[in-house]
């Protein structure tokens, strides 16, 4: 998936490429460089920082310019060259790919005005596909809003500052593979896994299917049932059932 996305981005003729990673950074770089023939700059994150956090780091190391920013948990046939071309032609500060709301899934809508700008409190609800072209002013704003939401925080601040934020009407195929439930089902389709460094205390119970990541802890008296624990997370009490416990999160206990 990552190689396919990186190869598609090459069609926009980028001068350089960068990738953030919190797991398997060597594999991320290897796949991108193999798929594109370009050298890739790694932006390692000990813990995932979220989109605004990543953009703030990009602002600090990139030296300005416009960037195509892509989530890597979606498969699409989007015309990235058309997206970038439109962004540069209109001299927008931020061009986001926004399409119809999916029929299923827990997605927050982004309001788009009749003029095609966002965010709009009274505009048509649209779904963000995870792809944007952003300019240096947006990256600079991300430094001040690195802990905020992408649209509720950063986009609102950029709009208030008078930046030009435009929607790129999404068409074609799009499949989200990063939704927590999809991720859980896919991981649990394989035999149960307890990765190296994980601690399953005496009296802890693993039931059904499970995926327990590196450095996790399942405390005595806890139950993991048909669930996924991502690296560094800890279940200190209670039952984790049909769920995903995020990186480094602690749940249960006092």
C-alpha atoms as a PDB file:
ATOM      1  CA  UNK A   1       0.000   0.000   0.000  1.00  0.00           C
ATOM      2  CA  UNK A   2       2.760   2.427   0.942  1.00  0.00           C
ATOM      3  CA  UNK A   3       4.743   1.658  -2.202  1.00  0.00           C
ATOM      4  CA  UNK A   4       1.710   2.166  -4.413  1.00  0.00           C
ATOM      5  CA  UNK A   5       0.926   5.521  -2.786  1.00  0.00           C
ATOM      6  CA  UNK A   6       4.525   6.717  -3.008  1.00  0.00           C
ATOM      7  CA  UNK A   7       4.735   5.759  -6.681  1.00  0.00           C
ATOM      8  CA  UNK A   8       1.520   7.667  -7.406  1.00  0.00           C
ATOM      9  CA  UNK A   9       2.936  10.778  -5.715  1.00  0.00           C
ATOM     10  CA  UNK A  10       5.971  10.690  -8.020  1.00  0.00           C
ATOM     11  CA  UNK A  11       3.580  11.749 -10.802  1.00  0.00           C
ATOM     12  CA  UNK A  12       3.489  15.209  -9.207  1.00  0.00           C
ATOM     13  CA  UNK A  13       7.243  15.613  -9.860  1.00  0.00           C
ATOM     14  CA  UNK A  14       8.286  16.271  -6.246  1.00  0.00           C
ATOM     15  CA  UNK A  15      11.694  17.751  -5.534  1.00  0.00           C
ATOM     16  CA  UNK A  16      11.954  15.669  -2.369  1.00  0.00           C
ATOM     17  CA  UNK A  17      10.002  13.217  -0.260  1.00  0.00           C
ATOM     18  CA  UNK A  18       9.597  12.743   3.492  1.00  0.00           C
ATOM     19  CA  UNK A  19       7.879  10.114   5.600  1.00  0.00           C
ATOM     20  CA  UNK A  20       6.971  10.018   9.267  1.00  0.00           C
ATOM     21  CA  UNK A  21       7.096   6.678  11.034  1.00  0.00           C
ATOM     22  CA  UNK A  22       6.796   5.411  14.571  1.00  0.00           C
ATOM     23  CA  UNK A  23       7.239   1.738  13.719  1.00  0.00           C
ATOM     24  CA  UNK A  24       9.649  -0.076  11.382  1.00  0.00           C
ATOM     25  CA  UNK A  25      11.276   3.124  10.024  1.00  0.00           C
ATOM     26  CA  UNK A  26      13.875   1.186   8.038  1.00  0.00           C
ATOM     27  CA  UNK A  27      11.158  -0.730   6.210  1.00  0.00           C
ATOM     28  CA  UNK A  28       9.227   2.485   5.507  1.00  0.00           C
ATOM     29  CA  UNK A  29      12.246   4.184   3.941  1.00  0.00           C
ATOM     30  CA  UNK A  30      13.229   1.057   2.011  1.00  0.00           C
ATOM     31  CA  UNK A  31       9.775   0.683   0.461  1.00  0.00           C
ATOM     32  CA  UNK A  32       9.411   4.341  -0.500  1.00  0.00           C
ATOM     33  CA  UNK A  33      12.852   4.546  -2.080  1.00  0.00           C
ATOM     34  CA  UNK A  34      12.347   1.237  -3.882  1.00  0.00           C
ATOM     35  CA  UNK A  35       8.989   2.383  -5.275  1.00  0.00           C
ATOM     36  CA  UNK A  36      10.019   5.896  -6.295  1.00  0.00           C
ATOM     37  CA  UNK A  37      13.727   5.852  -7.013  1.00  0.00           C
ATOM     38  CA  UNK A  38      14.008   8.953  -4.813  1.00  0.00           C
ATOM     39  CA  UNK A  39      15.818   9.507  -1.546  1.00  0.00           C
ATOM     40  CA  UNK A  40      13.363   9.889   1.332  1.00  0.00           C
ATOM     41  CA  UNK A  41      13.849  11.896   4.528  1.00  0.00           C
ATOM     42  CA  UNK A  42      12.692  10.078   7.663  1.00  0.00           C
ATOM     43  CA  UNK A  43      10.783  11.929  10.389  1.00  0.00           C
ATOM     44  CA  UNK A  44      10.755   9.403  13.222  1.00  0.00           C
ATOM     45  CA  UNK A  45       8.081   9.761  15.918  1.00  0.00           C
ATOM     46  CA  UNK A  46       8.523   7.865  19.174  1.00  0.00           C
ATOM     47  CA  UNK A  47       4.756   8.024  19.480  1.00  0.00           C
ATOM     48  CA  UNK A  48       2.399   9.065  16.655  1.00  0.00           C
ATOM     49  CA  UNK A  49       1.945  12.851  16.878  1.00  0.00           C
ATOM     50  CA  UNK A  50      -1.181  13.199  14.748  1.00  0.00           C
ATOM     51  CA  UNK A  51      -1.385  15.155  11.492  1.00  0.00           C
ATOM     52  CA  UNK A  52      -0.891  18.601  13.045  1.00  0.00           C
ATOM     53  CA  UNK A  53       2.086  17.388  15.043  1.00  0.00           C
ATOM     54  CA  UNK A  54       3.685  15.945  11.920  1.00  0.00           C
ATOM     55  CA  UNK A  55       3.016  19.138   9.937  1.00  0.00           C
ATOM     56  CA  UNK A  56       4.645  21.201  12.678  1.00  0.00           C
ATOM     57  CA  UNK A  57       7.792  19.071  12.426  1.00  0.00           C
ATOM     58  CA  UNK A  58       7.725  19.375   8.641  1.00  0.00           C
ATOM     59  CA  UNK A  59       7.634  23.166   9.013  1.00  0.00           C
ATOM     60  CA  UNK A  60      10.744  23.048  11.165  1.00  0.00           C
ATOM     61  CA  UNK A  61      12.835  20.936   8.789  1.00  0.00           C
ATOM     62  CA  UNK A  62      11.516  21.681   5.322  1.00  0.00           C
ATOM     63  CA  UNK A  63      12.488  25.316   4.813  1.00  0.00           C
ATOM     64  CA  UNK A  64       9.123  26.235   3.294  1.00  0.00           C
ATOM     65  CA  UNK A  65       7.527  25.388  -0.026  1.00  0.00           C
ATOM     66  CA  UNK A  66       4.334  23.502  -0.863  1.00  0.00           C
ATOM     67  CA  UNK A  67       3.894  19.888   0.173  1.00  0.00           C
ATOM     68  CA  UNK A  68       1.578  17.065  -0.816  1.00  0.00           C
ATOM     69  CA  UNK A  69       0.547  15.486   2.500  1.00  0.00           C
ATOM     70  CA  UNK A  70      -0.910  11.968   2.459  1.00  0.00           C
ATOM     71  CA  UNK A  71      -2.379   9.636   5.022  1.00  0.00           C
ATOM     72  CA  UNK A  72      -0.954   6.183   4.380  1.00  0.00           C
ATOM     73  CA  UNK A  73      -3.919   4.103   5.525  1.00  0.00           C
ATOM     74  CA  UNK A  74      -6.042   4.561   2.395  1.00  0.00           C
ATOM     75  CA  UNK A  75      -6.035   3.006  -1.066  1.00  0.00           C
ATOM     76  CA  UNK A  76      -7.140   5.305  -3.878  1.00  0.00           C
ATOM     77  CA  UNK A  77      -6.876   6.023  -7.601  1.00  0.00           C
ATOM     78  CA  UNK A  78      -6.921   9.791  -6.985  1.00  0.00           C
ATOM     79  CA  UNK A  79      -5.194  11.937  -9.626  1.00  0.00           C
ATOM     80  CA  UNK A  80      -2.505  13.500  -7.430  1.00  0.00           C
ATOM     81  CA  UNK A  81      -1.041  15.514 -10.305  1.00  0.00           C
ATOM     82  CA  UNK A  82      -4.430  17.183 -10.849  1.00  0.00           C
ATOM     83  CA  UNK A  83      -4.676  17.967  -7.124  1.00  0.00           C
ATOM     84  CA  UNK A  84      -1.243  19.610  -7.009  1.00  0.00           C
ATOM     85  CA  UNK A  85      -1.817  21.396 -10.315  1.00  0.00           C
ATOM     86  CA  UNK A  86      -5.079  22.883  -9.079  1.00  0.00           C
ATOM     87  CA  UNK A  87      -3.477  23.923  -5.784  1.00  0.00           C
ATOM     88  CA  UNK A  88      -0.640  25.783  -7.517  1.00  0.00           C
ATOM     89  CA  UNK A  89      -2.844  27.287 -10.208  1.00  0.00           C
ATOM     90  CA  UNK A  90      -5.268  28.755  -7.670  1.00  0.00           C
ATOM     91  CA  UNK A  91      -2.418  29.820  -5.374  1.00  0.00           C
ATOM     92  CA  UNK A  92      -4.251  28.261  -2.462  1.00  0.00           C
ATOM     93  CA  UNK A  93      -2.710  27.910   0.962  1.00  0.00           C
ATOM     94  CA  UNK A  94      -4.435  24.574   1.510  1.00  0.00           C
ATOM     95  CA  UNK A  95      -6.271  22.319  -0.938  1.00  0.00           C
ATOM     96  CA  UNK A  96      -7.960  19.315   0.686  1.00  0.00           C
ATOM     97  CA  UNK A  97      -9.501  16.313  -1.057  1.00  0.00           C
ATOM     98  CA  UNK A  98     -13.123  16.196   0.114  1.00  0.00           C
ATOM     99  CA  UNK A  99     -15.825  13.833  -1.138  1.00  0.00           C
ATOM    100  CA  UNK A 100     -19.263  12.518  -0.252  1.00  0.00           C
ATOM    101  CA  UNK A 101     -19.752  11.195   3.263  1.00  0.00           C
ATOM    102  CA  UNK A 102     -19.353   7.372   3.351  1.00  0.00           C
ATOM    103  CA  UNK A 103     -22.442   5.307   4.035  1.00  0.00           C
ATOM    104  CA  UNK A 104     -20.706   3.644   6.996  1.00  0.00           C
ATOM    105  CA  UNK A 105     -17.955   4.482   9.441  1.00  0.00           C
ATOM    106  CA  UNK A 106     -17.545   7.051  12.196  1.00  0.00           C
ATOM    107  CA  UNK A 107     -16.239  10.036  10.228  1.00  0.00           C
ATOM    108  CA  UNK A 108     -16.534  13.703  11.183  1.00  0.00           C
ATOM    109  CA  UNK A 109     -17.817  15.844   8.319  1.00  0.00           C
ATOM    110  CA  UNK A 110     -16.037  18.940   7.032  1.00  0.00           C
ATOM    111  CA  UNK A 111     -18.326  21.766   5.948  1.00  0.00           C
ATOM    112  CA  UNK A 112     -17.700  23.075   2.413  1.00  0.00           C
ATOM    113  CA  UNK A 113     -19.252  26.366   1.288  1.00  0.00           C
ATOM    114  CA  UNK A 114     -21.023  26.805  -2.095  1.00  0.00           C
ATOM    115  CA  UNK A 115     -17.855  28.588  -3.247  1.00  0.00           C
ATOM    116  CA  UNK A 116     -15.815  25.485  -2.503  1.00  0.00           C
ATOM    117  CA  UNK A 117     -13.990  26.727   0.590  1.00  0.00           C
ATOM    118  CA  UNK A 118     -13.653  25.074   3.998  1.00  0.00           C
ATOM    119  CA  UNK A 119     -14.329  24.885   6.884  1.00  0.00           C
ATOM    120  CA  UNK A 120     -17.882  26.212   6.699  1.00  0.00           C
ATOM    121  CA  UNK A 121     -20.302  25.822   9.624  1.00  0.00           C
ATOM    122  CA  UNK A 122     -23.314  25.988   7.320  1.00  0.00           C
ATOM    123  CA  UNK A 123     -21.758  24.328   4.279  1.00  0.00           C
ATOM    124  CA  UNK A 124     -22.328  20.939   2.702  1.00  0.00           C
ATOM    125  CA  UNK A 125     -20.897  18.081   4.832  1.00  0.00           C
ATOM    126  CA  UNK A 126     -18.001  16.413   3.057  1.00  0.00           C
ATOM    127  CA  UNK A 127     -15.584  13.622   3.897  1.00  0.00           C
ATOM    128  CA  UNK A 128     -11.824  14.159   4.068  1.00  0.00           C
ATOM    129  CA  UNK A 129      -9.968  11.485   2.097  1.00  0.00           C
ATOM    130  CA  UNK A 130      -6.663  12.090   3.902  1.00  0.00           C
ATOM    131  CA  UNK A 131      -4.846  13.989   1.131  1.00  0.00           C
ATOM    132  CA  UNK A 132      -3.951  17.686   1.008  1.00  0.00           C
ATOM    133  CA  UNK A 133      -1.649  20.120  -0.725  1.00  0.00           C
ATOM    134  CA  UNK A 134      -0.440  22.685   1.803  1.00  0.00           C
ATOM    135  CA  UNK A 135       1.715  25.787   1.622  1.00  0.00           C
ATOM    136  CA  UNK A 136       4.258  27.224   4.020  1.00  0.00           C
ATOM    137  CA  UNK A 137       1.728  29.449   5.835  1.00  0.00           C
ATOM    138  CA  UNK A 138      -0.284  26.371   6.846  1.00  0.00           C
ATOM    139  CA  UNK A 139       2.863  24.622   8.054  1.00  0.00           C
ATOM    140  CA  UNK A 140       3.798  27.650  10.138  1.00  0.00           C
ATOM    141  CA  UNK A 141       0.294  27.699  11.649  1.00  0.00           C
ATOM    142  CA  UNK A 142       0.644  23.998  12.493  1.00  0.00           C
ATOM    143  CA  UNK A 143       3.557  24.841  14.793  1.00  0.00           C
ATOM    144  CA  UNK A 144       1.138  26.898  16.902  1.00  0.00           C
ATOM    145  CA  UNK A 145      -1.609  24.269  16.709  1.00  0.00           C
ATOM    146  CA  UNK A 146       0.422  21.053  16.840  1.00  0.00           C
ATOM    147  CA  UNK A 147      -1.851  19.524  19.493  1.00  0.00           C
ATOM    148  CA  UNK A 148      -5.144  20.565  17.883  1.00  0.00           C
ATOM    149  CA  UNK A 149      -7.467  18.764  15.497  1.00  0.00           C
ATOM    150  CA  UNK A 150      -6.760  19.092  11.786  1.00  0.00           C
ATOM    151  CA  UNK A 151     -10.024  20.801  10.856  1.00  0.00           C
ATOM    152  CA  UNK A 152     -11.510  21.914  14.175  1.00  0.00           C
ATOM    153  CA  UNK A 153      -8.228  23.533  15.184  1.00  0.00           C
ATOM    154  CA  UNK A 154      -5.729  24.102  12.384  1.00  0.00           C
ATOM    155  CA  UNK A 155      -8.145  24.727   9.497  1.00  0.00           C
ATOM    156  CA  UNK A 156     -10.286  27.065  11.586  1.00  0.00           C
ATOM    157  CA  UNK A 157      -7.199  29.069  12.586  1.00  0.00           C
ATOM    158  CA  UNK A 158      -5.960  29.260   8.991  1.00  0.00           C
ATOM    159  CA  UNK A 159      -9.365  30.444   7.787  1.00  0.00           C
ATOM    160  CA  UNK A 160      -9.521  33.117  10.477  1.00  0.00           C
ATOM    161  CA  UNK A 161      -6.055  34.289   9.408  1.00  0.00           C
ATOM    162  CA  UNK A 162      -7.383  34.916   5.893  1.00  0.00           C
ATOM    163  CA  UNK A 163      -5.704  31.985   4.167  1.00  0.00           C
ATOM    164  CA  UNK A 164      -7.207  30.471   1.040  1.00  0.00           C
ATOM    165  CA  UNK A 165      -8.579  27.001   1.871  1.00  0.00           C
ATOM    166  CA  UNK A 166     -10.176  25.170  -1.053  1.00  0.00           C
ATOM    167  CA  UNK A 167     -11.850  21.799  -1.480  1.00  0.00           C
ATOM    168  CA  UNK A 168     -10.745  19.478  -4.279  1.00  0.00           C
ATOM    169  CA  UNK A 169     -13.808  17.463  -5.265  1.00  0.00           C
ATOM    170  CA  UNK A 170     -12.989  13.804  -4.767  1.00  0.00           C
ATOM    171  CA  UNK A 171     -13.971  11.234  -7.362  1.00  0.00           C
ATOM    172  CA  UNK A 172     -12.860   7.691  -8.072  1.00  0.00           C
ATOM    173  CA  UNK A 173     -12.101   4.895  -5.655  1.00  0.00           C
ATOM    174  CA  UNK A 174     -11.197   5.269  -1.994  1.00  0.00           C
ATOM    175  CA  UNK A 175     -10.861   2.603   0.679  1.00  0.00           C
ATOM    176  CA  UNK A 176     -10.030   3.337   4.314  1.00  0.00           C
ATOM    177  CA  UNK A 177      -7.959   0.590   5.937  1.00  0.00           C
ATOM    178  CA  UNK A 178      -6.964   2.581   9.016  1.00  0.00           C
ATOM    179  CA  UNK A 179     -10.260   2.560  10.867  1.00  0.00           C
ATOM    180  CA  UNK A 180      -9.756   0.880  14.224  1.00  0.00           C
ATOM    181  CA  UNK A 181     -12.341  -1.838  13.651  1.00  0.00           C
ATOM    182  CA  UNK A 182     -10.960  -2.710  10.205  1.00  0.00           C
ATOM    183  CA  UNK A 183      -7.460  -2.848  11.661  1.00  0.00           C
ATOM    184  CA  UNK A 184      -8.611  -5.097  14.514  1.00  0.00           C
ATOM    185  CA  UNK A 185     -10.443  -7.521  12.237  1.00  0.00           C
ATOM    186  CA  UNK A 186      -7.495  -7.777   9.845  1.00  0.00           C
ATOM    187  CA  UNK A 187      -4.936  -8.424  12.591  1.00  0.00           C
ATOM    188  CA  UNK A 188      -7.143 -10.974  14.324  1.00  0.00           C
ATOM    189  CA  UNK A 189      -7.699 -12.892  11.092  1.00  0.00           C
ATOM    190  CA  UNK A 190      -4.275 -14.408  11.831  1.00  0.00           C
ATOM    191  CA  UNK A 191      -3.299 -16.711  14.737  1.00  0.00           C
ATOM    192  CA  UNK A 192      -2.964 -15.010  18.155  1.00  0.00           C
ATOM    193  CA  UNK A 193       0.267 -13.071  18.693  1.00  0.00           C
ATOM    194  CA  UNK A 194       2.199 -11.877  21.748  1.00  0.00           C
ATOM    195  CA  UNK A 195       5.198  -9.820  20.584  1.00  0.00           C
ATOM    196  CA  UNK A 196       8.613  -9.717  22.230  1.00  0.00           C
ATOM    197  CA  UNK A 197       8.892  -7.648  25.385  1.00  0.00           C
ATOM    198  CA  UNK A 198       5.208  -8.007  26.281  1.00  0.00           C
ATOM    199  CA  UNK A 199       4.371  -9.041  29.852  1.00  0.00           C
ATOM    200  CA  UNK A 200       1.349 -11.235  30.586  1.00  0.00           C
ATOM    201  CA  UNK A 201       1.113 -11.383  34.348  1.00  0.00           C
ATOM    202  CA  UNK A 202      -0.026 -14.442  36.248  1.00  0.00           C
ATOM    203  CA  UNK A 203      -3.794 -14.248  36.599  1.00  0.00           C
ATOM    204  CA  UNK A 204      -4.264 -12.312  33.337  1.00  0.00           C
ATOM    205  CA  UNK A 205      -6.522 -13.961  30.754  1.00  0.00           C
ATOM    206  CA  UNK A 206      -6.312 -13.953  26.942  1.00  0.00           C
ATOM    207  CA  UNK A 207      -9.496 -15.228  25.285  1.00  0.00           C
ATOM    208  CA  UNK A 208     -10.715 -15.738  21.722  1.00  0.00           C
ATOM    209  CA  UNK A 209      -8.139 -14.049  19.470  1.00  0.00           C
ATOM    210  CA  UNK A 210      -5.588 -11.438  20.436  1.00  0.00           C
ATOM    211  CA  UNK A 211      -2.670  -9.351  19.244  1.00  0.00           C
ATOM    212  CA  UNK A 212      -0.426  -8.033  22.033  1.00  0.00           C
ATOM    213  CA  UNK A 213       2.304  -5.705  20.774  1.00  0.00           C
ATOM    214  CA  UNK A 214       5.881  -5.067  21.882  1.00  0.00           C
ATOM    215  CA  UNK A 215       6.337  -3.817  25.428  1.00  0.00           C
ATOM    216  CA  UNK A 216       2.671  -4.243  26.381  1.00  0.00           C
ATOM    217  CA  UNK A 217       1.531  -5.237  29.850  1.00  0.00           C
ATOM    218  CA  UNK A 218      -1.585  -7.225  30.750  1.00  0.00           C
ATOM    219  CA  UNK A 219      -1.932  -7.019  34.519  1.00  0.00           C
ATOM    220  CA  UNK A 220      -3.206  -9.777  36.789  1.00  0.00           C
ATOM    221  CA  UNK A 221      -6.994  -9.951  36.769  1.00  0.00           C
ATOM    222  CA  UNK A 222      -7.281  -8.287  33.349  1.00  0.00           C
ATOM    223  CA  UNK A 223      -8.986  -9.935  30.370  1.00  0.00           C
ATOM    224  CA  UNK A 224      -8.112  -9.394  26.701  1.00  0.00           C
ATOM    225  CA  UNK A 225     -10.835 -10.811  24.489  1.00  0.00           C
ATOM    226  CA  UNK A 226     -10.821 -10.551  20.677  1.00  0.00           C
ATOM    227  CA  UNK A 227      -8.758  -7.364  20.945  1.00  0.00           C
ATOM    228  CA  UNK A 228      -5.550  -5.658  19.824  1.00  0.00           C
ATOM    229  CA  UNK A 229      -3.028  -3.962  22.093  1.00  0.00           C
ATOM    230  CA  UNK A 230      -0.578  -1.728  20.230  1.00  0.00           C
ATOM    231  CA  UNK A 231       3.067  -1.319  21.262  1.00  0.00           C
ATOM    232  CA  UNK A 232       3.651  -0.003  24.772  1.00  0.00           C
ATOM    233  CA  UNK A 233       0.017  -0.077  25.886  1.00  0.00           C
ATOM    234  CA  UNK A 234      -1.053  -1.461  29.269  1.00  0.00           C
ATOM    235  CA  UNK A 235      -4.274  -3.049  30.512  1.00  0.00           C
ATOM    236  CA  UNK A 236      -4.122  -2.638  34.288  1.00  0.00           C
ATOM    237  CA  UNK A 237      -7.548  -4.042  35.095  1.00  0.00           C
ATOM    238  CA  UNK A 238     -10.950  -4.855  33.668  1.00  0.00           C
ATOM    239  CA  UNK A 239     -11.871  -6.313  30.285  1.00  0.00           C
ATOM    240  CA  UNK A 240     -10.682  -5.216  26.834  1.00  0.00           C
ATOM    241  CA  UNK A 241     -13.244  -6.728  24.448  1.00  0.00           C
ATOM    242  CA  UNK A 242     -13.484  -6.315  20.664  1.00  0.00           C
ATOM    243  CA  UNK A 243     -11.348  -3.193  20.851  1.00  0.00           C
ATOM    244  CA  UNK A 244      -7.975  -1.637  19.990  1.00  0.00           C
ATOM    245  CA  UNK A 245      -5.827  -0.153  22.771  1.00  0.00           C
ATOM    246  CA  UNK A 246      -3.674   2.594  21.173  1.00  0.00           C
ATOM    247  CA  UNK A 247       0.088   3.045  21.433  1.00  0.00           C
ATOM    248  CA  UNK A 248       1.323   3.815  24.963  1.00  0.00           C
ATOM    249  CA  UNK A 249      -2.212   4.103  26.388  1.00  0.00           C
ATOM    250  CA  UNK A 250      -2.887   2.806  29.906  1.00  0.00           C
ATOM    251  CA  UNK A 251      -6.360   1.560  30.730  1.00  0.00           C
ATOM    252  CA  UNK A 252      -7.890   0.224  33.954  1.00  0.00           C
ATOM    253  CA  UNK A 253      -6.438   0.209  37.433  1.00  0.00           C
ATOM    254  CA  UNK A 254      -6.300   3.116  39.869  1.00  0.00           C
END
